[in-house]
Amino acid sequence: MKSGSAHPREPAPVRQVFELGSMRYPARCGLGTRRREETLEVTREPREAGRASDRVGGVQGWLEKLYRLCAEGKVDPAIDMVLDAMDDLIAASDLTRCNEILARADVERLLDEASIALLMETLRAKTGLLPARSDFYRRIEDKLRRQRASEADALLEGLR
């Protein structure tokens, strides 16, 4: 504070709405078809009949693609793959394949972020996924307690 000034300077008001141009922030370009050209607004394509089965296909093949992304350390594409597929399956009420994915998923081959994304995306349908989801949660919890004990509780908070 300068000598002679009686009051501290008032902070500038914060704008409630703002937009960022995609060319100014190139990382935003990675949002692909989900972003609009000049805003941060995230959009979804309209649902198409059969889209869920097209996106997942065979469960084991889908899991192998996910494992490959995880092995290559591609966190964002792995999370996108999980969120898109599970969102489509749940929206299509295809809980059988959701259960199959949760039951077959090898948490040791998944990045922690992809495993947590699976838990997050299936939380809204957990009553229809109880046995498989509970087992998946237990396997992730075991892995996190072994590898990231100090963070495990925080990572899993609210996902049971």
Protein backbone atom coordinates (compact mmCIF):
# COMPACT_ATOMS: atom_id res chain seq x y z
CA MET A 1 0.00 0.00 0.00
CA LYS A 2 1.40 3.40 -0.95
CA SER A 3 1.84 5.91 1.77
CA GLY A 4 -0.92 8.45 1.77
CA SER A 5 -3.62 6.12 0.43
CA ALA A 6 -6.24 5.43 3.04
CA HIS A 7 -8.03 2.46 1.43
CA PRO A 8 -6.69 -0.60 -0.36
CA ARG A 9 -7.51 -0.78 -4.05
CA GLU A 10 -10.85 -2.50 -4.78
CA PRO A 11 -10.53 -5.63 -6.91
CA ALA A 12 -11.96 -5.46 -10.40
CA PRO A 13 -15.38 -7.12 -10.78
CA VAL A 14 -15.32 -10.67 -12.10
CA ARG A 15 -17.17 -11.40 -15.32
CA GLN A 16 -19.61 -14.29 -14.99
CA VAL A 17 -19.48 -15.29 -18.66
CA PHE A 18 -16.44 -15.54 -20.85
CA GLU A 19 -15.32 -17.16 -24.05
CA LEU A 20 -11.88 -18.24 -25.17
CA GLY A 21 -10.95 -18.43 -28.81
CA SER A 22 -9.73 -21.87 -29.89
CA MET A 23 -6.74 -20.48 -31.77
CA ARG A 24 -5.55 -18.58 -28.72
CA TYR A 25 -5.63 -21.74 -26.60
CA PRO A 26 -4.58 -24.62 -28.90
CA ALA A 27 -5.10 -27.30 -26.23
CA ARG A 28 -8.84 -26.74 -26.69
CA CYS A 29 -8.58 -28.14 -30.21
CA GLY A 30 -8.30 -31.63 -28.69
CA LEU A 31 -12.01 -31.56 -27.87
CA GLY A 32 -12.72 -32.51 -31.50
CA THR A 33 -16.37 -32.70 -32.49
CA ARG A 34 -17.51 -31.90 -28.97
CA ARG A 35 -16.48 -28.24 -29.08
CA ARG A 36 -17.96 -25.38 -30.96
CA GLU A 37 -15.58 -23.22 -32.91
CA GLU A 38 -15.17 -20.17 -30.67
CA THR A 39 -16.65 -21.04 -27.29
CA LEU A 40 -16.07 -23.35 -24.36
CA GLU A 41 -19.55 -24.79 -24.69
CA VAL A 42 -19.40 -28.58 -24.85
CA THR A 43 -21.99 -30.28 -27.01
CA ARG A 44 -23.00 -33.89 -27.75
CA GLU A 45 -24.04 -35.26 -31.08
CA PRO A 46 -27.65 -36.42 -31.35
CA ARG A 47 -28.13 -40.08 -30.43
CA GLU A 48 -28.46 -42.50 -33.27
CA ALA A 49 -30.08 -45.91 -33.17
CA GLY A 50 -27.45 -48.61 -32.72
CA ARG A 51 -24.70 -46.15 -31.87
CA ALA A 52 -23.88 -47.80 -28.54
CA SER A 53 -23.27 -51.15 -30.18
CA ASP A 54 -21.15 -49.49 -32.87
CA ARG A 55 -19.00 -47.71 -30.31
CA VAL A 56 -18.36 -50.73 -28.09
CA GLY A 57 -18.74 -53.66 -30.45
CA GLY A 58 -17.45 -56.79 -28.75
CA VAL A 59 -16.60 -56.22 -25.10
CA GLN A 60 -13.21 -57.95 -25.22
CA GLY A 61 -12.19 -56.04 -28.35
CA TRP A 62 -13.27 -52.76 -26.75
CA LEU A 63 -11.29 -53.59 -23.61
CA GLU A 64 -8.20 -54.43 -25.69
CA LYS A 65 -8.39 -51.01 -27.39
CA LEU A 66 -8.70 -49.41 -23.95
CA TYR A 67 -5.74 -51.42 -22.61
CA ARG A 68 -3.67 -50.33 -25.63
CA LEU A 69 -4.43 -46.63 -24.95
CA CYS A 70 -3.55 -47.13 -21.28
CA ALA A 71 -0.29 -48.92 -22.11
CA GLU A 72 0.67 -46.00 -24.38
CA GLY A 73 -0.10 -43.54 -21.56
CA LYS A 74 -2.87 -41.83 -23.55
CA VAL A 75 -4.93 -40.68 -20.58
CA ASP A 76 -7.38 -38.32 -22.30
CA PRO A 77 -8.29 -40.67 -25.19
CA ALA A 78 -8.73 -43.53 -22.70
CA ILE A 79 -11.05 -41.45 -20.52
CA ASP A 80 -12.99 -40.24 -23.57
CA MET A 81 -13.38 -43.83 -24.76
CA VAL A 82 -14.74 -44.91 -21.37
CA LEU A 83 -17.10 -41.96 -20.93
CA ASP A 84 -18.51 -42.14 -24.46
CA ALA A 85 -19.06 -45.88 -24.49
CA MET A 86 -20.52 -46.18 -21.01
CA ASP A 87 -22.73 -43.13 -21.51
CA ASP A 88 -24.10 -44.67 -24.70
CA LEU A 89 -24.64 -48.09 -23.13
CA ILE A 90 -26.42 -46.67 -20.09
CA ALA A 91 -28.55 -44.37 -22.25
CA ALA A 92 -29.51 -47.39 -24.36
CA SER A 93 -30.25 -49.36 -21.14
CA ASP A 94 -27.67 -51.94 -22.19
CA LEU A 95 -26.69 -52.80 -18.62
CA THR A 96 -25.75 -56.34 -19.65
CA ARG A 97 -22.73 -55.07 -21.57
CA CYS A 98 -21.91 -52.53 -18.85
CA ASN A 99 -21.83 -55.42 -16.37
CA GLU A 100 -19.70 -57.47 -18.75
CA ILE A 101 -17.17 -54.64 -19.14
CA LEU A 102 -16.96 -54.13 -15.37
CA ALA A 103 -16.64 -57.86 -14.73
CA ARG A 104 -13.95 -58.47 -17.37
CA ALA A 105 -11.89 -55.29 -16.94
CA ASP A 106 -8.36 -55.97 -15.72
CA VAL A 107 -7.66 -53.04 -13.38
CA GLU A 108 -3.94 -53.82 -13.45
CA ARG A 109 -3.88 -53.00 -17.20
CA LEU A 110 -5.95 -49.82 -16.85
CA LEU A 111 -4.67 -46.38 -15.97
CA ASP A 112 -6.11 -45.26 -12.66
CA GLU A 113 -7.84 -42.38 -14.44
CA ALA A 114 -9.64 -44.79 -16.80
CA SER A 115 -10.71 -47.00 -13.89
CA ILE A 116 -12.06 -44.01 -12.00
CA ALA A 117 -13.85 -42.82 -15.15
CA LEU A 118 -15.57 -46.23 -15.32
CA LEU A 119 -16.70 -45.85 -11.73
CA MET A 120 -17.87 -42.28 -12.27
CA GLU A 121 -19.82 -43.03 -15.42
CA THR A 122 -21.54 -46.09 -13.96
CA LEU A 123 -22.48 -44.41 -10.67
CA ARG A 124 -25.87 -43.29 -12.01
CA ALA A 125 -26.81 -46.85 -13.00
CA LYS A 126 -25.24 -48.66 -10.06
CA THR A 127 -28.48 -50.34 -8.92
CA GLY A 128 -28.59 -52.25 -12.21
CA LEU A 129 -24.87 -52.98 -12.04
CA LEU A 130 -24.48 -53.84 -8.35
CA PRO A 131 -22.59 -57.15 -8.34
CA ALA A 132 -20.19 -56.32 -11.18
CA ARG A 133 -19.71 -52.69 -10.15
CA SER A 134 -19.12 -53.58 -6.49
CA ASP A 135 -16.48 -56.12 -7.48
CA PHE A 136 -14.86 -53.61 -9.88
CA TYR A 137 -14.82 -50.98 -7.12
CA ARG A 138 -13.16 -53.47 -4.73
CA ARG A 139 -10.48 -54.34 -7.30
CA ILE A 140 -9.70 -50.67 -7.98
CA GLU A 141 -9.64 -49.93 -4.27
CA ASP A 142 -7.16 -52.79 -3.69
CA LYS A 143 -4.91 -51.53 -6.50
CA LEU A 144 -4.99 -47.92 -5.30
CA ARG A 145 -4.29 -48.91 -1.68
CA ARG A 146 -1.22 -50.88 -2.87
CA GLN A 147 0.11 -48.26 -5.28
CA ARG A 148 -1.20 -44.89 -4.05
CA ALA A 149 -2.23 -45.47 -0.45
CA SER A 150 -2.15 -41.82 0.57
CA GLU A 151 -4.47 -40.82 -2.30
CA ALA A 152 -6.84 -43.79 -2.42
CA ASP A 153 -9.58 -42.39 -0.19
CA ALA A 154 -9.62 -39.03 -2.00
CA LEU A 155 -9.68 -40.68 -5.46
CA LEU A 156 -12.56 -42.97 -4.56
CA GLU A 157 -14.60 -40.50 -2.51
CA GLY A 158 -18.27 -40.61 -3.47
CA LEU A 159 -17.82 -43.40 -6.02
CA ARG A 160 -18.91 -46.41 -3.95
